[in-house]
Protein backbone atom coordinates (compact mmCIF):
# COMPACT_ATOMS: atom_id res chain seq x y z
CA UNK A 1 -16.67 27.89 73.08
CA UNK A 2 -13.33 27.32 71.37
CA UNK A 3 -12.44 24.48 69.02
CA UNK A 4 -10.27 22.92 71.74
CA UNK A 5 -13.22 23.05 74.15
CA UNK A 6 -15.55 21.49 71.59
CA UNK A 7 -13.11 18.65 70.95
CA UNK A 8 -12.64 18.18 74.68
CA UNK A 9 -16.42 17.84 75.04
CA UNK A 10 -16.58 15.25 72.26
CA UNK A 11 -13.70 13.25 73.70
CA UNK A 12 -14.60 13.43 77.38
CA UNK A 13 -18.32 14.16 77.79
CA UNK A 14 -19.37 11.50 75.29
CA UNK A 15 -18.12 7.91 75.64
CA UNK A 16 -15.41 7.43 72.99
CA UNK A 17 -14.63 3.87 71.92
CA UNK A 18 -11.15 4.79 70.67
CA UNK A 19 -10.21 5.96 74.18
CA UNK A 20 -12.36 3.79 76.45
CA UNK A 21 -12.96 0.56 74.55
CA UNK A 22 -15.91 -1.69 75.41
CA UNK A 23 -17.44 0.64 77.99
CA UNK A 24 -18.10 3.23 75.25
CA UNK A 25 -19.78 0.79 72.85
CA UNK A 26 -23.52 1.45 72.53
CA UNK A 27 -25.37 -1.07 70.37
CA UNK A 28 -28.75 -0.02 69.03
CA UNK A 29 -30.04 2.86 66.96
CA UNK A 30 -32.42 4.63 69.36
CA UNK A 31 -30.13 7.54 70.22
CA UNK A 32 -29.03 7.93 66.60
CA UNK A 33 -32.65 7.97 65.44
CA UNK A 34 -33.50 10.64 68.02
CA UNK A 35 -30.60 12.79 66.85
CA UNK A 36 -31.52 12.17 63.23
CA UNK A 37 -35.09 13.30 63.88
CA UNK A 38 -33.93 16.44 65.69
CA UNK A 39 -31.71 17.46 62.78
CA UNK A 40 -34.39 16.79 60.16
CA UNK A 41 -33.12 13.47 58.75
CA UNK A 42 -30.27 15.15 56.84
CA UNK A 43 -28.90 11.95 55.26
CA UNK A 44 -32.05 11.78 53.12
CA UNK A 45 -30.91 14.89 51.23
CA UNK A 46 -28.20 13.07 49.24
CA UNK A 47 -27.24 9.65 47.93
CA UNK A 48 -25.01 7.47 50.09
CA UNK A 49 -22.65 4.50 49.71
CA UNK A 50 -22.21 2.39 52.85
CA UNK A 51 -18.85 0.65 53.45
CA UNK A 52 -18.49 -2.08 56.12
CA UNK A 53 -15.95 -4.83 56.79
CA UNK A 54 -13.11 -5.76 59.12
CA UNK A 55 -10.20 -4.29 57.11
CA UNK A 56 -9.95 -2.09 54.04
CA UNK A 57 -12.95 0.14 54.78
CA UNK A 58 -10.88 3.31 54.82
CA UNK A 59 -8.91 2.59 51.65
CA UNK A 60 -12.06 1.60 49.75
CA UNK A 61 -14.01 4.61 51.02
CA UNK A 62 -11.29 7.12 50.12
CA UNK A 63 -10.71 5.52 46.71
CA UNK A 64 -14.39 5.55 45.77
CA UNK A 65 -14.62 9.15 46.93
CA UNK A 66 -11.68 9.99 44.65
CA UNK A 67 -13.39 8.31 41.68
CA UNK A 68 -16.66 10.13 42.34
CA UNK A 69 -14.91 13.48 42.80
CA UNK A 70 -13.14 13.16 39.46
CA UNK A 71 -16.47 12.24 37.85
CA UNK A 72 -17.67 15.71 38.83
CA UNK A 73 -19.64 15.00 41.99
CA UNK A 74 -19.54 16.93 45.23
CA UNK A 75 -18.63 14.09 47.59
CA UNK A 76 -18.95 13.75 51.35
CA UNK A 77 -16.62 11.31 53.09
CA UNK A 78 -17.11 10.07 56.64
CA UNK A 79 -14.40 7.79 58.06
CA UNK A 80 -12.82 6.85 61.37
CA UNK A 81 -10.63 7.00 63.31
CA UNK A 82 -8.68 10.16 62.59
CA UNK A 83 -4.91 10.15 62.78
CA UNK A 84 -3.94 13.76 63.50
CA UNK A 85 -7.03 15.97 63.78
CA UNK A 86 -10.70 15.20 64.46
CA UNK A 87 -11.74 17.01 61.29
CA UNK A 88 -10.20 14.28 59.12
CA UNK A 89 -13.35 12.26 59.81
CA UNK A 90 -15.69 14.61 57.93
CA UNK A 91 -14.68 15.88 54.49
CA UNK A 92 -16.27 17.29 51.35
CA UNK A 93 -14.17 16.83 48.20
CA UNK A 94 -11.17 16.25 50.44
CA UNK A 95 -11.63 19.43 52.48
CA UNK A 96 -12.28 18.89 56.19
CA UNK A 97 -15.18 20.30 58.15
CA UNK A 98 -14.21 23.68 59.60
CA UNK A 99 -13.28 24.20 63.22
CA UNK A 100 -16.10 26.73 63.51
CA UNK A 101 -18.68 24.22 62.29
CA UNK A 102 -17.56 21.72 64.93
CA UNK A 103 -17.81 24.43 67.61
CA UNK A 104 -21.26 25.57 66.50
CA UNK A 105 -22.60 22.01 66.26
CA UNK A 106 -21.38 21.03 69.73
CA UNK A 107 -22.59 24.28 71.28
CA UNK A 108 -26.04 23.91 69.71
CA UNK A 109 -26.29 20.27 70.81
CA UNK A 110 -25.43 21.12 74.42
CA UNK A 111 -28.05 23.87 74.52
CA UNK A 112 -30.71 21.64 73.01
CA UNK A 113 -29.84 18.67 75.19
CA UNK A 114 -29.82 20.61 78.47
CA UNK A 115 -33.38 21.00 79.85
CA UNK A 116 -32.65 24.32 81.57
CA UNK A 117 -31.32 25.71 78.31
CA UNK A 118 -34.13 24.38 76.17
CA UNK A 119 -36.00 27.69 75.91
CA UNK A 120 -35.09 28.05 72.25
CA UNK A 121 -36.56 24.64 71.43
CA UNK A 122 -40.05 24.96 72.93
CA UNK A 123 -41.56 23.45 69.78
CA UNK A 124 -39.84 20.20 70.74
CA UNK A 125 -40.35 18.03 73.77
CA UNK A 126 -37.24 18.55 75.94
CA UNK A 127 -34.98 15.54 75.85
CA UNK A 128 -31.79 14.51 77.55
CA UNK A 129 -29.71 12.20 75.41
CA UNK A 130 -26.42 10.56 76.31
CA UNK A 131 -24.91 9.89 72.91
CA UNK A 132 -21.59 8.18 72.42
CA UNK A 133 -18.79 10.03 70.67
CA UNK A 134 -19.51 8.16 67.45
CA UNK A 135 -23.27 8.75 67.61
CA UNK A 136 -22.83 12.50 67.97
CA UNK A 137 -20.06 12.64 65.38
CA UNK A 138 -22.22 10.72 62.90
CA UNK A 139 -25.07 13.17 63.41
CA UNK A 140 -22.62 16.03 62.82
CA UNK A 141 -21.37 14.47 59.58
CA UNK A 142 -24.83 13.80 58.17
CA UNK A 143 -25.97 17.35 58.97
CA UNK A 144 -22.81 18.90 57.55
CA UNK A 145 -23.10 16.99 54.29
CA UNK A 146 -26.69 18.16 53.84
CA UNK A 147 -25.75 21.78 54.49
CA UNK A 148 -22.83 21.47 52.08
CA UNK A 149 -25.21 20.17 49.40
CA UNK A 150 -23.16 17.09 48.56
CA UNK A 151 -24.39 14.93 45.71
CA UNK A 152 -23.28 11.70 47.31
CA UNK A 153 -21.55 10.67 50.54
CA UNK A 154 -19.35 7.66 51.20
CA UNK A 155 -20.10 6.51 54.75
CA UNK A 156 -17.75 4.14 56.55
CA UNK A 157 -19.22 1.93 59.26
CA UNK A 158 -17.72 2.45 62.70
CA UNK A 159 -18.02 -1.03 64.20
CA UNK A 160 -20.01 -4.02 62.96
CA UNK A 161 -22.95 -3.05 60.80
CA UNK A 162 -26.37 -4.13 61.99
CA UNK A 163 -26.32 -1.97 65.13
CA UNK A 164 -23.80 0.63 63.98
CA UNK A 165 -25.25 4.12 64.16
CA UNK A 166 -24.45 4.78 60.49
CA UNK A 167 -26.95 2.04 59.63
CA UNK A 168 -29.92 4.41 59.58
CA UNK A 169 -29.07 5.28 55.97
CA UNK A 170 -30.54 3.64 52.90
CA UNK A 171 -27.64 3.74 50.44
CA UNK A 172 -27.58 3.27 46.70
CA UNK A 173 -24.85 0.67 47.19
CA UNK A 174 -23.57 -1.34 50.15
CA UNK A 175 -20.03 -2.72 50.34
CA UNK A 176 -18.58 -5.28 52.75
CA UNK A 177 -14.82 -5.47 52.24
CA UNK A 178 -13.94 -8.64 54.18
CA UNK A 179 -14.44 -10.52 57.42
CA UNK A 180 -11.80 -11.51 59.95
CA UNK A 181 -11.59 -11.80 63.72
CA UNK A 182 -11.85 -8.40 65.38
CA UNK A 183 -14.10 -6.93 68.09
CA UNK A 184 -15.28 -10.45 68.87
CA UNK A 185 -16.67 -9.29 72.23
CA UNK A 186 -19.31 -7.34 70.29
CA UNK A 187 -19.71 -9.15 66.99
CA UNK A 188 -19.34 -12.86 67.73
CA UNK A 189 -16.73 -15.55 68.14
CA UNK A 190 -16.97 -17.14 64.68
CA UNK A 191 -16.51 -15.71 61.21
CA UNK A 192 -20.13 -16.56 60.44
CA UNK A 193 -21.36 -14.60 63.47
CA UNK A 194 -19.21 -11.60 62.58
CA UNK A 195 -20.39 -11.78 58.96
CA UNK A 196 -24.00 -11.84 60.14
CA UNK A 197 -23.50 -8.60 62.08
CA UNK A 198 -21.76 -6.90 59.17
CA UNK A 199 -24.40 -8.19 56.74
CA UNK A 200 -26.82 -5.97 58.65
CA UNK A 201 -25.87 -3.15 56.26
CA UNK A 202 -27.53 -5.03 53.38
CA UNK A 203 -30.78 -3.20 52.68
CA UNK A 204 -33.89 -4.21 50.80
CA UNK A 205 -33.49 -3.86 47.02
CA UNK A 206 -30.04 -2.23 47.45
CA UNK A 207 -27.18 -4.00 45.61
CA UNK A 208 -24.22 -5.14 47.68
CA UNK A 209 -20.58 -5.76 46.75
CA UNK A 210 -18.64 -8.30 48.82
CA UNK A 211 -14.87 -7.91 48.68
CA UNK A 212 -13.62 -11.20 50.11
CA UNK A 213 -15.30 -14.33 51.43
CA UNK A 214 -14.52 -17.57 53.19
CA UNK A 215 -16.43 -20.83 53.29
CA UNK A 216 -18.04 -19.66 56.55
CA UNK A 217 -19.05 -16.18 55.35
CA UNK A 218 -20.16 -16.48 51.73
CA UNK A 219 -23.42 -18.28 52.49
CA UNK A 220 -24.22 -15.73 55.22
CA UNK A 221 -24.03 -12.91 52.69
CA UNK A 222 -25.94 -14.84 50.04
CA UNK A 223 -28.74 -15.71 52.46
CA UNK A 224 -29.09 -12.12 53.70
CA UNK A 225 -29.06 -10.71 50.18
CA UNK A 226 -31.73 -13.20 49.11
CA UNK A 227 -33.87 -12.28 52.11
CA UNK A 228 -33.54 -8.56 51.30
CA UNK A 229 -34.01 -9.02 47.54
CA UNK A 230 -30.62 -7.36 47.10
CA UNK A 231 -28.44 -8.10 44.09
CA UNK A 232 -25.08 -9.43 45.33
CA UNK A 233 -21.72 -9.15 43.56
CA UNK A 234 -18.49 -10.80 44.64
CA UNK A 235 -15.31 -8.87 43.86
CA UNK A 236 -13.39 -12.16 43.84
CA UNK A 237 -15.30 -13.05 40.66
CA UNK A 238 -14.97 -9.61 39.09
CA UNK A 239 -12.71 -9.19 36.08
CA UNK A 240 -11.97 -5.99 34.19
CA UNK A 241 -11.94 -5.72 30.42
CA UNK A 242 -8.55 -4.07 30.86
CA UNK A 243 -5.69 -4.94 33.25
CA UNK A 244 -5.98 -3.73 36.81
CA UNK A 245 -4.82 -0.11 36.85
CA UNK A 246 -1.88 1.13 38.86
CA UNK A 247 -3.00 1.94 42.37
CA UNK A 248 -1.39 4.71 44.42
CA UNK A 249 -1.89 2.78 47.67
CA UNK A 250 0.94 0.26 47.79
CA UNK A 251 0.31 -2.10 50.69
CA UNK A 252 0.24 -5.76 49.68
CA UNK A 253 -3.38 -5.93 50.86
CA UNK A 254 -4.38 -3.18 48.43
CA UNK A 255 -4.70 -5.50 45.42
CA UNK A 256 -7.72 -7.12 47.06
CA UNK A 257 -9.09 -3.70 47.99
CA UNK A 258 -8.62 -2.59 44.39
CA UNK A 259 -10.83 -5.39 43.09
CA UNK A 260 -13.50 -4.40 45.59
CA UNK A 261 -13.24 -0.74 44.55
CA UNK A 262 -13.45 -1.53 40.84
CA UNK A 263 -16.35 -3.95 41.33
CA UNK A 264 -18.21 -1.24 43.26
CA UNK A 265 -17.39 1.38 40.61
CA UNK A 266 -18.70 -0.97 37.94
CA UNK A 267 -22.01 -1.23 39.81
CA UNK A 268 -22.17 2.55 40.04
CA UNK A 269 -21.77 2.56 36.25
CA UNK A 270 -24.66 0.14 35.93
CA UNK A 271 -26.78 2.56 37.99
CA UNK A 272 -25.81 5.51 35.80
CA UNK A 273 -23.97 7.25 38.63
CA UNK A 274 -20.63 6.78 36.85
CA UNK A 275 -20.16 6.84 33.08
CA UNK A 276 -19.26 3.79 30.96
CA UNK A 277 -16.31 5.63 29.45
CA UNK A 278 -14.86 5.95 32.95
CA UNK A 279 -14.92 2.17 33.26
CA UNK A 280 -13.01 1.78 30.03
CA UNK A 281 -10.02 3.78 31.24
CA UNK A 282 -10.05 2.05 34.63
CA UNK A 283 -10.40 5.28 36.59
CA UNK A 284 -6.62 5.46 36.37
CA UNK A 285 -6.22 9.09 37.35
CA UNK A 286 -8.53 8.96 40.35
CA UNK A 287 -6.86 5.84 41.70
CA UNK A 288 -3.40 7.33 41.27
CA UNK A 289 -4.39 10.51 43.15
CA UNK A 290 -6.31 9.16 46.14
CA UNK A 291 -4.14 10.87 48.76
CA UNK A 292 -4.20 14.18 46.88
CA UNK A 293 -7.97 14.08 46.35
CA UNK A 294 -9.04 12.82 49.78
CA UNK A 295 -5.98 13.38 52.04
CA UNK A 296 -5.76 9.72 53.06
CA UNK A 297 -2.82 8.94 55.35
CA UNK A 298 -1.27 5.92 57.02
CA UNK A 299 -1.60 3.22 54.34
CA UNK A 300 1.93 1.94 53.66
CA UNK A 301 2.90 5.61 53.74
CA UNK A 302 6.52 6.53 53.04
CA UNK A 303 7.70 9.10 55.56
CA UNK A 304 11.31 9.41 54.36
CA UNK A 305 14.07 7.72 52.40
CA UNK A 306 17.59 6.69 53.50
CA UNK A 307 16.72 5.17 55.84
CA UNK A 308 13.37 4.16 54.42
CA UNK A 309 10.57 4.81 56.93
CA UNK A 310 7.09 3.47 56.31
CA UNK A 311 4.03 3.55 58.55
CA UNK A 312 0.79 1.61 58.27
CA UNK A 313 -2.37 1.57 60.36
CA UNK A 314 -2.92 -2.20 60.11
CA UNK A 315 -3.90 -3.19 63.62
CA UNK A 316 -5.46 -6.66 63.73
CA UNK A 317 -4.74 -10.22 62.64
CA UNK A 318 -6.44 -9.76 59.27
CA UNK A 319 -4.29 -6.73 58.45
CA UNK A 320 -1.04 -8.30 59.65
CA UNK A 321 -1.57 -11.36 57.46
CA UNK A 322 -0.64 -9.03 54.60
CA UNK A 323 1.66 -6.59 56.39
CA UNK A 324 4.03 -9.12 57.93
CA UNK A 325 5.09 -10.78 54.64
CA UNK A 326 5.47 -7.39 52.96
CA UNK A 327 7.70 -6.11 55.75
CA UNK A 328 9.82 -9.28 55.67
CA UNK A 329 10.23 -8.96 51.89
CA UNK A 330 11.48 -5.35 52.02
CA UNK A 331 15.20 -5.27 51.07
CA UNK A 332 17.30 -3.61 53.77
CA UNK A 333 20.48 -3.91 55.80
CA UNK A 334 18.64 -3.94 59.14
CA UNK A 335 14.91 -4.02 59.84
CA UNK A 336 13.75 -1.88 62.76
CA UNK A 337 10.18 -1.98 64.10
CA UNK A 338 8.50 0.77 66.14
CA UNK A 339 5.58 -1.24 67.46
CA UNK A 340 2.66 -1.06 69.88
CA UNK A 341 -0.96 -2.26 70.09
CA UNK A 342 -4.20 -1.65 71.97
CA UNK A 343 -5.79 -4.01 74.42
CA UNK A 344 -8.73 -5.44 72.44
CA UNK A 345 -6.57 -6.98 69.69
CA UNK A 346 -5.13 -10.49 69.47
CA UNK A 347 -1.58 -9.37 70.19
CA UNK A 348 -0.13 -12.86 70.61
CA UNK A 349 -1.25 -13.97 67.15
CA UNK A 350 0.15 -10.76 65.63
CA UNK A 351 3.46 -11.14 67.50
CA UNK A 352 3.76 -14.65 66.14
CA UNK A 353 3.67 -13.20 62.59
CA UNK A 354 6.37 -10.57 63.13
CA UNK A 355 9.94 -10.96 61.82
CA UNK A 356 12.39 -12.34 64.37
CA UNK A 357 15.38 -10.65 62.71
CA UNK A 358 14.13 -7.12 63.45
CA UNK A 359 15.29 -4.82 66.21
CA UNK A 360 12.20 -3.68 68.11
CA UNK A 361 11.33 -0.36 69.70
CA UNK A 362 8.33 -1.29 71.81
CA UNK A 363 6.10 1.66 72.59
CA UNK A 364 2.60 2.75 73.53
CA UNK A 365 0.17 5.41 72.34
CA UNK A 366 -1.13 8.07 74.72
CA UNK A 367 -4.44 6.25 74.99
CA UNK A 368 -6.24 4.44 77.80
CA UNK A 369 -6.55 1.35 75.61
CA UNK A 370 -2.83 1.14 74.79
CA UNK A 371 -1.02 -1.93 76.06
CA UNK A 372 1.92 -0.66 78.15
CA UNK A 373 5.17 -0.90 76.21
CA UNK A 374 6.67 -3.06 78.95
CA UNK A 375 3.82 -5.55 78.57
CA UNK A 376 4.21 -5.60 74.77
CA UNK A 377 7.93 -6.30 75.23
CA UNK A 378 7.23 -9.06 77.76
CA UNK A 379 4.79 -10.79 75.42
CA UNK A 380 7.11 -10.27 72.44
CA UNK A 381 10.00 -11.97 74.21
CA UNK A 382 7.93 -15.18 74.37
CA UNK A 383 7.83 -15.04 70.56
CA UNK A 384 11.57 -14.50 70.24
CA UNK A 385 11.29 -10.75 69.56
CA UNK A 386 13.73 -8.46 71.35
CA UNK A 387 14.18 -4.74 71.71
CA UNK A 388 13.99 -1.73 74.00
CA UNK A 389 11.03 -0.10 75.72
CA UNK A 390 9.86 3.48 75.12
CA UNK A 391 6.78 5.05 76.71
CA UNK A 392 6.62 7.72 73.98
CA UNK A 393 6.01 6.92 70.30
CA UNK A 394 8.11 9.86 69.18
CA UNK A 395 10.94 8.83 71.53
CA UNK A 396 10.88 5.30 70.09
CA UNK A 397 10.95 6.70 66.55
CA UNK A 398 13.82 9.12 67.14
CA UNK A 399 15.88 6.35 68.72
CA UNK A 400 15.18 4.08 65.73
CA UNK A 401 16.30 6.86 63.38
CA UNK A 402 19.45 7.57 65.39
CA UNK A 403 20.37 3.87 65.31
CA UNK A 404 19.81 3.47 61.57
CA UNK A 405 22.11 3.51 58.60
CA UNK A 406 20.96 4.73 55.21
CA UNK A 407 20.18 1.19 54.04
CA UNK A 408 18.01 0.28 57.02
CA UNK A 409 14.21 0.00 56.97
CA UNK A 410 12.08 1.37 59.80
CA UNK A 411 8.46 0.28 60.04
CA UNK A 412 6.06 2.09 62.38
CA UNK A 413 2.73 0.52 63.27
CA UNK A 414 0.64 -1.96 65.21
CA UNK A 415 -2.11 0.55 65.95
CA UNK A 416 -3.77 3.53 64.27
CA UNK A 417 -2.90 5.51 67.39
CA UNK A 418 0.82 4.72 67.09
CA UNK A 419 0.77 6.02 63.51
CA UNK A 420 -1.38 9.02 64.37
CA UNK A 421 0.84 10.14 67.23
CA UNK A 422 3.93 9.94 65.06
CA UNK A 423 2.33 11.82 62.17
CA UNK A 424 1.18 14.57 64.53
CA UNK A 425 4.82 15.08 65.56
CA UNK A 426 6.70 14.87 62.29
CA UNK A 427 4.45 16.43 59.66
CA UNK A 428 2.65 19.72 59.42
CA UNK A 429 -1.02 19.37 60.33
CA UNK A 430 -2.51 18.28 56.99
CA UNK A 431 -5.80 20.12 57.38
């Protein structure tokens, strides 16, 4: 089996939410628990930090991993989705899982999970599982981290919390970044209902950091923490002894993420996992080298200057509440937007936030969930937004560049898949 064949199996033989949407969503932990048992409960071999929330999970996870790495730990990092290559999802001290490991894991799983090929597993009762993409990928990550002898792993929730397959872990610290409307078909139609699902990561006697709250969500978290005898800390109330340090990640939303990160790091100090002297200097170096340490991409990322090109993976209403004002405030001669979304997002609310003075390059990712560029343009016109239609992200981007003067500003986003497709075309594969 080649790496390409292994990736093809993961993408096409296992239901993948990123490609298929709701039909790939599998609530419940039964399959994950069966996989976990087969692989010997690998997540028990190291400490974990569990990160949930609607937005900011990736930034917080990467930043905490950077802090822990610079404190001398061997750190696993499991995040999703990837932007360019599958292996971005599973890293140890910033280095991705090898292609060969992915091949060997997939090949071994197929042999074990095929009754006619189960001769090598006679000590086990033959089983036939039908894991989702995320269930199998999570099992791969947990096993890889154990074999790599990590000290601690930062685990990002895929979707929700209570029924997310990462929720078999018992972490040393849980984090819920924020709650806003997203994936309502799975998590609920009110902020309180969504918060209740995400509060499912709160474990008995495990402290939890809450990044942001609303009137509807704060009591949900407090009640769940009380029920689980879990100490609860609100980043909104957290204040440093020193000013907030400079943060490499520059999106307007990152200031709130930074408070969540620092509040979590402070709790890790209280546990003895980080050192008090690290708190005093504000973890400046780690927070100014997040992309170098963990290879994070797509967060208000500058792709070039003159014209200035920035991409961001913000993809829902909660993210665009911060992105839209920041884009509008960017000085430029002409704003140009390469924009597309996927079909389970509230596109009309996002379109209503976008700047009317921009020239739009409506496009679509090569993904079954992508809203056709023509449909995005049709909806956008109702909000007073005008532009041209491109069925290729790269085509839309090259046209935006060709149309631009050196003082223009090009923003690329609306979906992680829009950003990922562009990055795969214009930069060398980062791993």
